[in-house]
Amino acid sequence: MGGRAKLIVAQPLKGDSGVARIDAATRNYLGVEPGDEVDIFGGIFSPAHVRAKVAEAPAEDEGKGIIRIASDKMQEGSFKVGMKVTVDASLLKTLRETVKVKKEETP
C-alpha cells in the first residue's frame, strides 16, 4: 500500500453513481483496485469527506492527476470541480486485510 494522493476534482462522468474514477498509476500507488473503497478529503479547512468505490478512469485521464467523483458523491461530500483533494485507501480495507491475515495466522 502506498500513501496518499493529491488530485484535482474533474467533471463527473454522466451516469456514474457511488464511484471515484482514478487512473492506473494512482491506483497502484494507493494499493487499490476497481471495487475497493477510498476516502476522499477536501482541503485543510474543508469539511468535505466521502468514501467511494474505485472505478477505472477513462484513457484520456491517465497521468493527469485528476479524479472524477460521481455526482451523488460530490454532492454528499460537498466537492466542487477544480477542488484539490487527498485520496487515501479506505481504513476499512486496511482493517479487513489485517483481520484476514490474523485469521490465517491463527492455528
N, C-alpha and C. Protein backbone atom coordinates (compact mmCIF):
# COMPACT_ATOMS: atom_id res chain seq x y z
N MET A 1 0.83 -1.19 0.00
CA MET A 1 0.00 0.00 0.00
C MET A 1 0.86 1.24 0.00
N GLY A 2 0.41 2.20 -0.77
CA GLY A 2 1.12 3.47 -0.85
C GLY A 2 0.66 4.43 0.22
N GLY A 3 0.80 5.67 -0.08
CA GLY A 3 0.41 6.71 0.85
C GLY A 3 -0.87 7.38 0.43
N ARG A 4 -0.80 8.69 0.39
CA ARG A 4 -1.96 9.48 0.00
C ARG A 4 -1.65 10.17 -1.32
N ALA A 5 -2.67 10.33 -2.12
CA ALA A 5 -2.51 11.01 -3.41
C ALA A 5 -3.25 12.33 -3.39
N LYS A 6 -2.61 13.37 -3.90
CA LYS A 6 -3.23 14.68 -4.05
C LYS A 6 -3.71 14.78 -5.50
N LEU A 7 -5.01 14.97 -5.67
CA LEU A 7 -5.60 15.03 -7.00
C LEU A 7 -6.53 16.24 -7.12
N ILE A 8 -6.92 16.55 -8.34
CA ILE A 8 -7.85 17.64 -8.59
C ILE A 8 -9.14 17.05 -9.13
N VAL A 9 -10.27 17.51 -8.58
CA VAL A 9 -11.58 17.01 -8.98
C VAL A 9 -11.93 17.51 -10.38
N ALA A 10 -12.26 16.56 -11.26
CA ALA A 10 -12.69 16.87 -12.62
C ALA A 10 -14.19 16.59 -12.75
N GLN A 11 -14.76 17.03 -13.84
CA GLN A 11 -16.19 16.85 -14.11
C GLN A 11 -16.54 15.36 -14.03
N PRO A 12 -17.62 15.02 -13.31
CA PRO A 12 -18.00 13.60 -13.24
C PRO A 12 -18.50 13.09 -14.58
N LEU A 13 -18.42 11.79 -14.78
CA LEU A 13 -18.95 11.19 -16.00
C LEU A 13 -20.45 10.96 -15.83
N LYS A 14 -21.17 11.22 -16.89
CA LYS A 14 -22.62 11.06 -16.88
C LYS A 14 -22.97 9.60 -16.59
N GLY A 15 -23.91 9.39 -15.70
CA GLY A 15 -24.36 8.04 -15.38
C GLY A 15 -23.62 7.36 -14.24
N ASP A 16 -22.51 7.93 -13.79
CA ASP A 16 -21.78 7.34 -12.66
C ASP A 16 -22.56 7.53 -11.36
N SER A 17 -22.45 6.55 -10.49
CA SER A 17 -23.09 6.64 -9.18
C SER A 17 -22.24 5.90 -8.15
N GLY A 18 -21.86 6.60 -7.09
CA GLY A 18 -21.15 5.97 -5.98
C GLY A 18 -19.68 5.66 -6.21
N VAL A 19 -19.11 6.14 -7.32
CA VAL A 19 -17.73 5.77 -7.64
C VAL A 19 -16.83 6.99 -7.76
N ALA A 20 -15.54 6.70 -7.68
CA ALA A 20 -14.50 7.70 -7.94
C ALA A 20 -13.58 7.07 -8.99
N ARG A 21 -13.44 7.74 -10.12
CA ARG A 21 -12.61 7.22 -11.20
C ARG A 21 -11.18 7.74 -11.05
N ILE A 22 -10.24 6.80 -10.90
CA ILE A 22 -8.84 7.11 -10.63
C ILE A 22 -7.98 6.38 -11.66
N ASP A 23 -6.93 7.05 -12.16
CA ASP A 23 -6.07 6.42 -13.17
C ASP A 23 -5.24 5.28 -12.58
N ALA A 24 -4.70 4.45 -13.46
CA ALA A 24 -3.98 3.23 -13.06
C ALA A 24 -2.76 3.52 -12.18
N ALA A 25 -1.98 4.54 -12.52
CA ALA A 25 -0.78 4.84 -11.73
C ALA A 25 -1.15 5.23 -10.30
N THR A 26 -2.20 6.00 -10.14
CA THR A 26 -2.62 6.41 -8.80
C THR A 26 -3.20 5.23 -8.03
N ARG A 27 -3.96 4.38 -8.71
CA ARG A 27 -4.49 3.17 -8.05
C ARG A 27 -3.34 2.29 -7.54
N ASN A 28 -2.32 2.13 -8.38
CA ASN A 28 -1.16 1.32 -7.97
C ASN A 28 -0.47 1.94 -6.77
N TYR A 29 -0.29 3.26 -6.80
CA TYR A 29 0.37 3.97 -5.70
C TYR A 29 -0.41 3.78 -4.39
N LEU A 30 -1.74 3.87 -4.48
CA LEU A 30 -2.58 3.73 -3.29
C LEU A 30 -2.76 2.27 -2.87
N GLY A 31 -2.49 1.35 -3.78
CA GLY A 31 -2.68 -0.07 -3.48
C GLY A 31 -4.13 -0.48 -3.54
N VAL A 32 -4.91 0.13 -4.44
CA VAL A 32 -6.32 -0.21 -4.58
C VAL A 32 -6.62 -0.68 -5.99
N GLU A 33 -7.72 -1.40 -6.12
CA GLU A 33 -8.19 -1.91 -7.39
C GLU A 33 -9.63 -1.48 -7.58
N PRO A 34 -10.13 -1.52 -8.83
CA PRO A 34 -11.55 -1.21 -9.03
C PRO A 34 -12.42 -2.07 -8.11
N GLY A 35 -13.37 -1.43 -7.45
CA GLY A 35 -14.25 -2.12 -6.50
C GLY A 35 -13.86 -1.87 -5.05
N ASP A 36 -12.57 -1.54 -4.81
CA ASP A 36 -12.14 -1.18 -3.46
C ASP A 36 -12.70 0.19 -3.10
N GLU A 37 -12.62 0.54 -1.83
CA GLU A 37 -13.09 1.85 -1.40
C GLU A 37 -11.91 2.76 -1.08
N VAL A 38 -12.11 4.06 -1.34
CA VAL A 38 -11.13 5.08 -0.97
C VAL A 38 -11.85 6.17 -0.18
N ASP A 39 -11.09 6.84 0.66
CA ASP A 39 -11.59 8.01 1.37
C ASP A 39 -11.07 9.23 0.64
N ILE A 40 -11.95 10.19 0.41
CA ILE A 40 -11.59 11.41 -0.30
C ILE A 40 -11.84 12.58 0.65
N PHE A 41 -10.80 13.39 0.86
CA PHE A 41 -10.87 14.51 1.79
C PHE A 41 -10.62 15.82 1.05
N GLY A 42 -11.33 16.88 1.47
CA GLY A 42 -11.09 18.21 0.92
C GLY A 42 -9.85 18.81 1.57
N GLY A 43 -9.67 20.11 1.40
CA GLY A 43 -8.52 20.80 1.96
C GLY A 43 -8.52 20.85 3.47
N ILE A 44 -7.50 21.48 4.03
CA ILE A 44 -7.31 21.56 5.47
C ILE A 44 -8.51 22.14 6.19
N PHE A 45 -9.06 23.22 5.65
CA PHE A 45 -10.17 23.89 6.31
C PHE A 45 -11.52 23.49 5.74
N SER A 46 -11.55 22.42 4.98
CA SER A 46 -12.78 21.96 4.35
C SER A 46 -13.33 20.74 5.08
N PRO A 47 -14.63 20.72 5.36
CA PRO A 47 -15.23 19.55 5.98
C PRO A 47 -15.53 18.44 4.97
N ALA A 48 -15.20 18.68 3.70
CA ALA A 48 -15.53 17.72 2.65
C ALA A 48 -14.85 16.37 2.90
N HIS A 49 -15.66 15.32 2.89
CA HIS A 49 -15.15 13.96 3.05
C HIS A 49 -16.21 13.01 2.52
N VAL A 50 -15.77 11.98 1.83
CA VAL A 50 -16.68 10.96 1.35
C VAL A 50 -15.89 9.68 1.11
N ARG A 51 -16.57 8.56 1.17
CA ARG A 51 -15.97 7.26 0.83
C ARG A 51 -16.66 6.80 -0.46
N ALA A 52 -15.86 6.35 -1.42
CA ALA A 52 -16.42 5.91 -2.70
C ALA A 52 -15.70 4.67 -3.20
N LYS A 53 -16.38 3.92 -4.05
CA LYS A 53 -15.77 2.75 -4.68
C LYS A 53 -14.92 3.22 -5.85
N VAL A 54 -13.78 2.57 -6.01
CA VAL A 54 -12.85 2.90 -7.08
C VAL A 54 -13.35 2.32 -8.41
N ALA A 55 -13.24 3.13 -9.46
CA ALA A 55 -13.52 2.67 -10.82
C ALA A 55 -12.37 3.14 -11.70
N GLU A 56 -12.20 2.49 -12.84
CA GLU A 56 -11.14 2.87 -13.76
C GLU A 56 -11.44 4.22 -14.40
N ALA A 57 -10.42 5.03 -14.57
CA ALA A 57 -10.56 6.32 -15.24
C ALA A 57 -10.55 6.10 -16.75
N PRO A 58 -11.17 7.01 -17.50
CA PRO A 58 -11.07 6.92 -18.96
C PRO A 58 -9.61 7.07 -19.39
N ALA A 59 -9.27 6.50 -20.52
CA ALA A 59 -7.88 6.52 -21.02
C ALA A 59 -7.32 7.94 -21.11
N GLU A 60 -8.16 8.91 -21.48
CA GLU A 60 -7.66 10.29 -21.62
C GLU A 60 -7.30 10.94 -20.29
N ASP A 61 -7.70 10.33 -19.16
CA ASP A 61 -7.38 10.88 -17.84
C ASP A 61 -6.04 10.38 -17.29
N GLU A 62 -5.46 9.36 -17.93
CA GLU A 62 -4.22 8.76 -17.42
C GLU A 62 -3.11 9.80 -17.29
N GLY A 63 -2.51 9.87 -16.10
CA GLY A 63 -1.37 10.73 -15.86
C GLY A 63 -1.68 12.21 -15.67
N LYS A 64 -2.93 12.58 -15.60
CA LYS A 64 -3.30 13.99 -15.47
C LYS A 64 -3.46 14.47 -14.03
N GLY A 65 -3.45 13.54 -13.06
CA GLY A 65 -3.58 13.95 -11.66
C GLY A 65 -4.98 14.40 -11.29
N ILE A 66 -5.98 13.78 -11.94
CA ILE A 66 -7.36 14.14 -11.65
C ILE A 66 -8.15 12.95 -11.12
N ILE A 67 -9.26 13.26 -10.50
CA ILE A 67 -10.19 12.25 -10.02
C ILE A 67 -11.58 12.67 -10.46
N ARG A 68 -12.36 11.74 -10.94
CA ARG A 68 -13.74 12.02 -11.33
C ARG A 68 -14.64 11.35 -10.31
N ILE A 69 -15.25 12.17 -9.48
CA ILE A 69 -16.13 11.67 -8.42
C ILE A 69 -17.57 11.74 -8.93
N ALA A 70 -18.32 10.66 -8.80
CA ALA A 70 -19.71 10.63 -9.26
C ALA A 70 -20.50 11.78 -8.63
N SER A 71 -21.47 12.28 -9.37
CA SER A 71 -22.27 13.43 -8.92
C SER A 71 -22.87 13.24 -7.54
N ASP A 72 -23.40 12.04 -7.26
CA ASP A 72 -24.03 11.81 -5.95
C ASP A 72 -23.00 11.92 -4.83
N LYS A 73 -21.79 11.43 -5.07
CA LYS A 73 -20.74 11.51 -4.05
C LYS A 73 -20.18 12.93 -3.93
N MET A 74 -20.15 13.66 -5.06
CA MET A 74 -19.70 15.06 -5.00
C MET A 74 -20.65 15.87 -4.13
N GLN A 75 -21.94 15.64 -4.30
CA GLN A 75 -22.94 16.35 -3.50
C GLN A 75 -22.86 15.94 -2.04
N GLU A 76 -22.74 14.65 -1.78
CA GLU A 76 -22.64 14.13 -0.41
C GLU A 76 -21.43 14.70 0.33
N GLY A 77 -20.31 14.81 -0.38
CA GLY A 77 -19.08 15.28 0.25
C GLY A 77 -18.81 16.76 0.10
N SER A 78 -19.71 17.47 -0.56
CA SER A 78 -19.56 18.93 -0.80
C SER A 78 -18.31 19.26 -1.61
N PHE A 79 -18.03 18.46 -2.63
CA PHE A 79 -16.90 18.70 -3.50
C PHE A 79 -17.32 19.55 -4.70
N LYS A 80 -16.37 20.26 -5.27
CA LYS A 80 -16.60 21.09 -6.45
C LYS A 80 -15.52 20.77 -7.49
N VAL A 81 -15.86 20.91 -8.75
CA VAL A 81 -14.89 20.71 -9.83
C VAL A 81 -13.75 21.71 -9.65
N GLY A 82 -12.52 21.23 -9.77
CA GLY A 82 -11.33 22.07 -9.60
C GLY A 82 -10.76 22.05 -8.20
N MET A 83 -11.49 21.46 -7.27
CA MET A 83 -11.06 21.38 -5.86
C MET A 83 -9.88 20.41 -5.73
N LYS A 84 -8.89 20.76 -4.92
CA LYS A 84 -7.77 19.87 -4.62
C LYS A 84 -8.21 18.95 -3.48
N VAL A 85 -8.00 17.64 -3.66
CA VAL A 85 -8.41 16.66 -2.66
C VAL A 85 -7.26 15.71 -2.35
N THR A 86 -7.39 15.04 -1.23
CA THR A 86 -6.45 14.00 -0.83
C THR A 86 -7.22 12.68 -0.86
N VAL A 87 -6.63 11.69 -1.49
CA VAL A 87 -7.27 10.37 -1.61
C VAL A 87 -6.41 9.35 -0.90
N ASP A 88 -7.06 8.52 -0.11
CA ASP A 88 -6.36 7.52 0.70
C ASP A 88 -7.13 6.21 0.60
N ALA A 89 -6.41 5.09 0.60
CA ALA A 89 -7.08 3.79 0.64
C ALA A 89 -7.92 3.76 1.90
N SER A 90 -9.12 3.24 1.79
CA SER A 90 -10.04 3.24 2.93
C SER A 90 -9.47 2.49 4.12
N LEU A 91 -9.62 3.08 5.28
CA LEU A 91 -9.18 2.45 6.52
C LEU A 91 -9.91 1.12 6.72
N LEU A 92 -11.15 1.03 6.25
CA LEU A 92 -11.91 -0.21 6.38
C LEU A 92 -11.23 -1.36 5.64
N LYS A 93 -10.69 -1.08 4.45
CA LYS A 93 -9.99 -2.12 3.69
C LYS A 93 -8.76 -2.57 4.47
N THR A 94 -8.02 -1.61 5.01
CA THR A 94 -6.83 -1.93 5.78
C THR A 94 -7.18 -2.80 6.98
N LEU A 95 -8.25 -2.46 7.68
CA LEU A 95 -8.67 -3.25 8.84
C LEU A 95 -9.11 -4.65 8.43
N ARG A 96 -9.84 -4.75 7.32
CA ARG A 96 -10.28 -6.07 6.84
C ARG A 96 -9.08 -6.94 6.50
N GLU A 97 -8.07 -6.36 5.84
CA GLU A 97 -6.88 -7.12 5.48
C GLU A 97 -6.12 -7.57 6.72
N THR A 98 -6.05 -6.72 7.74
CA THR A 98 -5.36 -7.06 8.98
C THR A 98 -6.07 -8.22 9.67
N VAL A 99 -7.39 -8.16 9.75
CA VAL A 99 -8.17 -9.24 10.38
C VAL A 99 -8.00 -10.53 9.59
N LYS A 100 -8.02 -10.43 8.26
CA LYS A 100 -7.86 -11.61 7.42
C LYS A 100 -6.51 -12.27 7.66
N VAL A 101 -5.45 -11.50 7.72
CA VAL A 101 -4.10 -12.04 7.96
C VAL A 101 -4.04 -12.69 9.32
N LYS A 102 -4.61 -12.04 10.34
CA LYS A 102 -4.57 -12.60 11.69
C LYS A 102 -5.33 -13.92 11.75
N LYS A 103 -6.46 -14.01 11.04
CA LYS A 103 -7.24 -15.26 11.00
C LYS A 103 -6.43 -16.37 10.34
N GLU A 104 -5.71 -16.03 9.28
CA GLU A 104 -4.90 -17.02 8.56
C GLU A 104 -3.73 -17.49 9.43
N GLU A 105 -3.20 -16.62 10.30
CA GLU A 105 -2.07 -16.97 11.15
C GLU A 105 -2.49 -17.81 12.35
N THR A 106 -3.76 -17.68 12.74
CA THR A 106 -4.26 -18.39 13.92
C THR A 106 -4.41 -19.87 13.59
N PRO A 107 -3.80 -20.74 14.42
CA PRO A 107 -3.89 -22.20 14.16
C PRO A 107 -5.26 -22.75 14.47
